[in-house]
Protein backbone atom coordinates (compact mmCIF):
# COMPACT_ATOMS: atom_id res chain seq x y z
CA MET A 1 47.77 67.09 25.94
CA MET A 2 46.08 63.70 25.84
CA GLU A 3 45.75 61.70 29.03
CA GLU A 4 45.69 57.92 29.24
CA THR A 5 42.28 56.44 29.90
CA THR A 6 41.82 54.52 33.13
CA CYS A 7 40.45 51.42 31.38
CA LYS A 8 43.27 49.10 30.34
CA PRO A 9 41.75 45.73 29.46
CA ASP A 10 43.95 42.74 28.80
CA TYR A 11 43.89 42.17 25.06
CA SER A 12 46.31 39.23 25.08
CA ASN A 13 45.11 36.25 23.03
CA SER A 14 42.39 38.40 21.46
CA MET A 15 41.50 39.60 17.98
CA ALA A 16 42.97 43.00 18.88
CA GLU A 17 46.32 41.38 19.61
CA HIS A 18 46.16 39.21 16.50
CA LEU A 19 45.44 42.19 14.26
CA GLY A 20 48.17 44.28 15.93
CA ILE A 21 45.79 46.93 17.23
CA ARG A 22 47.58 49.29 19.57
CA PHE A 23 45.78 51.78 21.79
CA LEU A 24 47.25 55.27 21.94
CA PRO A 25 46.78 57.86 24.67
CA SER A 26 43.12 58.86 24.61
CA THR A 27 40.93 61.57 26.06
CA GLU A 28 37.65 61.29 27.94
CA ASP A 29 35.80 61.95 24.69
CA ALA A 30 37.82 59.93 22.19
CA VAL A 31 39.64 56.62 21.92
CA HIS A 32 42.71 56.55 19.68
CA ALA A 33 44.16 53.36 18.26
CA GLU A 34 46.17 52.18 15.29
CA MET A 35 46.36 48.99 13.29
CA PRO A 36 49.02 48.00 10.78
CA VAL A 37 48.20 47.14 7.19
CA ASP A 38 50.21 43.94 6.82
CA HIS A 39 49.70 40.23 6.12
CA ARG A 40 47.12 40.02 8.95
CA THR A 41 44.88 42.84 7.77
CA SER A 42 45.29 43.14 4.01
CA GLN A 43 43.67 41.62 0.95
CA PRO A 44 45.83 39.58 -1.43
CA PHE A 45 46.23 42.81 -3.43
CA GLY A 46 47.88 44.60 -0.48
CA MET A 47 44.93 46.85 0.35
CA LEU A 48 43.33 47.01 3.79
CA ASN A 49 40.61 44.36 4.17
CA GLY A 50 37.16 45.78 4.94
CA GLY A 51 36.60 43.17 7.63
CA ALA A 52 39.76 44.31 9.42
CA SER A 53 38.43 47.88 9.33
CA LEU A 54 35.18 46.72 10.91
CA ALA A 55 37.04 44.72 13.55
CA LEU A 56 39.09 47.82 14.42
CA ALA A 57 35.92 49.92 14.70
CA GLU A 58 34.17 47.34 16.91
CA ILE A 59 37.15 46.87 19.23
CA VAL A 60 37.74 50.61 19.62
CA ALA A 61 34.01 51.27 20.17
CA GLY A 62 33.87 48.56 22.83
CA HIS A 63 36.90 50.04 24.56
CA GLY A 64 35.27 53.48 24.49
CA SER A 65 32.00 52.08 25.83
CA VAL A 66 33.74 50.63 28.86
CA ASN A 67 35.42 53.99 29.52
CA PHE A 68 32.04 55.74 29.21
CA ILE A 69 30.34 53.32 31.63
CA LEU A 70 33.14 53.61 34.20
CA LYS A 71 33.00 57.41 33.94
CA LYS A 72 29.25 57.42 34.69
CA LYS A 73 29.60 55.34 37.90
């Protein structure tokens, strides 16, 4: 069973909120999140925009880094 991470930053008024990124229950070793493919994240052709994919990766990696740092303290 996955346990919620202790780090819960406020993502209001952020790129994560704008893109609809939602964090799911995560483990100590992995951060789980999802992002919709809709008008905010897709190309005019309806496919996921590569920049949105990179934004998701950066936001999730940053979230995981904070969890890692807090765990080491």
